[in-house]
Amino acid sequence: MDFFSQTTGAIPLILIGICGILLVFQLYFLLSVYRRLAFYKLRATQDTPASRPLSVIICARNEEENLRRYLPKILEQDYPSLK
């Protein structure tokens, strides 16, 4: 009986220590991953948004008149920020 009464005080301390060590590992992992993401720089590649075509999807049902009126204006649009 004396053994259990003496070790019951040590068990919570051991568990708290284990949780503290796991917390340190978890914080290290999270900080290292998020630090890499925060300072990640995009590399200029040939596949930039300017070199890719832009798709415009128009959903229309029974809109023949509106399509005749607005489709030429939609097709004339230019996206200089993507160049």
C-alpha atoms as a PDB file:
ATOM      1  CA  MET A   1       0.000   0.000   0.000  1.00  0.00           C
ATOM      2  CA  ASP A   2       2.850   2.386   0.703  1.00  0.00           C
ATOM      3  CA  PHE A   3       4.170   1.878  -2.821  1.00  0.00           C
ATOM      4  CA  PHE A   4       0.918   3.054  -4.452  1.00  0.00           C
ATOM      5  CA  SER A   5       0.514   6.020  -2.155  1.00  0.00           C
ATOM      6  CA  GLN A   6       4.045   7.190  -2.950  1.00  0.00           C
ATOM      7  CA  THR A   7       3.779   6.723  -6.719  1.00  0.00           C
ATOM      8  CA  THR A   8       0.389   8.372  -7.146  1.00  0.00           C
ATOM      9  CA  GLY A   9       2.040  11.741  -6.696  1.00  0.00           C
ATOM     10  CA  ALA A  10       4.679  10.922  -9.315  1.00  0.00           C
ATOM     11  CA  ILE A  11       2.298   9.704 -12.027  1.00  0.00           C
ATOM     12  CA  PRO A  12       0.662  13.096 -12.646  1.00  0.00           C
ATOM     13  CA  LEU A  13       4.099  14.729 -12.771  1.00  0.00           C
ATOM     14  CA  ILE A  14       5.295  12.182 -15.308  1.00  0.00           C
ATOM     15  CA  LEU A  15       2.178  12.695 -17.432  1.00  0.00           C
ATOM     16  CA  ILE A  16       2.569  16.471 -17.286  1.00  0.00           C
ATOM     17  CA  GLY A  17       6.213  16.097 -18.312  1.00  0.00           C
ATOM     18  CA  ILE A  18       5.307  13.866 -21.246  1.00  0.00           C
ATOM     19  CA  CYS A  19       2.593  16.304 -22.347  1.00  0.00           C
ATOM     20  CA  GLY A  20       5.065  19.180 -22.067  1.00  0.00           C
ATOM     21  CA  ILE A  21       7.602  17.371 -24.242  1.00  0.00           C
ATOM     22  CA  LEU A  22       4.921  16.561 -26.821  1.00  0.00           C
ATOM     23  CA  LEU A  23       3.788  20.184 -26.766  1.00  0.00           C
ATOM     24  CA  VAL A  24       7.334  21.357 -27.482  1.00  0.00           C
ATOM     25  CA  PHE A  25       7.629  18.942 -30.423  1.00  0.00           C
ATOM     26  CA  GLN A  26       4.273  20.032 -31.783  1.00  0.00           C
ATOM     27  CA  LEU A  27       5.103  23.739 -31.482  1.00  0.00           C
ATOM     28  CA  TYR A  28       8.451  23.197 -33.179  1.00  0.00           C
ATOM     29  CA  PHE A  29       6.791  21.371 -36.062  1.00  0.00           C
ATOM     30  CA  LEU A  30       4.013  23.946 -36.482  1.00  0.00           C
ATOM     31  CA  LEU A  31       6.361  26.909 -36.302  1.00  0.00           C
ATOM     32  CA  SER A  32       8.800  25.396 -38.772  1.00  0.00           C
ATOM     33  CA  VAL A  33       6.036  24.596 -41.275  1.00  0.00           C
ATOM     34  CA  TYR A  34       4.307  27.966 -40.987  1.00  0.00           C
ATOM     35  CA  ARG A  35       7.608  29.825 -41.106  1.00  0.00           C
ATOM     36  CA  ARG A  36       8.405  28.121 -44.381  1.00  0.00           C
ATOM     37  CA  LEU A  37       4.978  29.024 -45.736  1.00  0.00           C
ATOM     38  CA  ALA A  38       5.240  32.634 -44.581  1.00  0.00           C
ATOM     39  CA  PHE A  39       8.593  33.180 -46.273  1.00  0.00           C
ATOM     40  CA  TYR A  40       7.916  31.045 -49.333  1.00  0.00           C
ATOM     41  CA  LYS A  41       8.697  32.918 -52.545  1.00  0.00           C
ATOM     42  CA  LEU A  42       7.125  31.943 -55.806  1.00  0.00           C
ATOM     43  CA  ARG A  43       9.592  31.170 -58.513  1.00  0.00           C
ATOM     44  CA  ALA A  44       9.070  32.720 -61.922  1.00  0.00           C
ATOM     45  CA  THR A  45       8.293  29.931 -64.326  1.00  0.00           C
ATOM     46  CA  GLN A  46       7.189  29.794 -67.907  1.00  0.00           C
ATOM     47  CA  ASP A  47       3.734  28.774 -66.749  1.00  0.00           C
ATOM     48  CA  THR A  48       2.771  32.176 -65.402  1.00  0.00           C
ATOM     49  CA  PRO A  49      -0.842  33.360 -65.498  1.00  0.00           C
ATOM     50  CA  ALA A  50      -0.014  35.576 -68.502  1.00  0.00           C
ATOM     51  CA  SER A  51       0.980  32.578 -70.598  1.00  0.00           C
ATOM     52  CA  ARG A  52      -2.179  30.630 -69.814  1.00  0.00           C
ATOM     53  CA  PRO A  53      -5.447  31.308 -71.596  1.00  0.00           C
ATOM     54  CA  LEU A  54      -8.315  32.613 -69.550  1.00  0.00           C
ATOM     55  CA  SER A  55     -11.657  30.840 -69.643  1.00  0.00           C
ATOM     56  CA  VAL A  56     -14.919  32.668 -69.127  1.00  0.00           C
ATOM     57  CA  ILE A  57     -17.909  30.482 -68.371  1.00  0.00           C
ATOM     58  CA  ILE A  58     -21.340  31.924 -69.010  1.00  0.00           C
ATOM     59  CA  CYS A  59     -24.384  30.112 -67.732  1.00  0.00           C
ATOM     60  CA  ALA A  60     -27.462  30.998 -69.761  1.00  0.00           C
ATOM     61  CA  ARG A  61     -30.852  29.457 -70.117  1.00  0.00           C
ATOM     62  CA  ASN A  62     -33.407  31.083 -72.392  1.00  0.00           C
ATOM     63  CA  GLU A  63     -31.110  34.145 -72.668  1.00  0.00           C
ATOM     64  CA  GLU A  64     -30.670  34.388 -76.427  1.00  0.00           C
ATOM     65  CA  GLU A  65     -31.380  38.113 -76.569  1.00  0.00           C
ATOM     66  CA  ASN A  66     -29.028  38.947 -73.705  1.00  0.00           C
ATOM     67  CA  LEU A  67     -26.277  36.762 -75.159  1.00  0.00           C
ATOM     68  CA  ARG A  68     -26.529  38.550 -78.512  1.00  0.00           C
ATOM     69  CA  ARG A  69     -26.293  41.888 -76.729  1.00  0.00           C
ATOM     70  CA  TYR A  70     -23.558  41.157 -74.151  1.00  0.00           C
ATOM     71  CA  LEU A  71     -21.416  38.365 -75.640  1.00  0.00           C
ATOM     72  CA  PRO A  72     -19.395  40.693 -77.921  1.00  0.00           C
ATOM     73  CA  LYS A  73     -18.599  42.900 -74.916  1.00  0.00           C
ATOM     74  CA  ILE A  74     -17.520  39.895 -72.884  1.00  0.00           C
ATOM     75  CA  LEU A  75     -15.260  38.665 -75.690  1.00  0.00           C
ATOM     76  CA  GLU A  76     -13.634  42.110 -76.027  1.00  0.00           C
ATOM     77  CA  GLN A  77     -12.485  42.135 -72.419  1.00  0.00           C
ATOM     78  CA  ASP A  78      -8.758  42.341 -71.767  1.00  0.00           C
ATOM     79  CA  TYR A  79      -6.945  41.344 -68.566  1.00  0.00           C
ATOM     80  CA  PRO A  80      -3.751  43.413 -68.458  1.00  0.00           C
ATOM     81  CA  SER A  81      -3.025  42.442 -64.859  1.00  0.00           C
ATOM     82  CA  LEU A  82      -2.487  38.852 -66.032  1.00  0.00           C
ATOM     83  CA  LYS A  83       0.135  39.852 -68.583  1.00  0.00           C
END
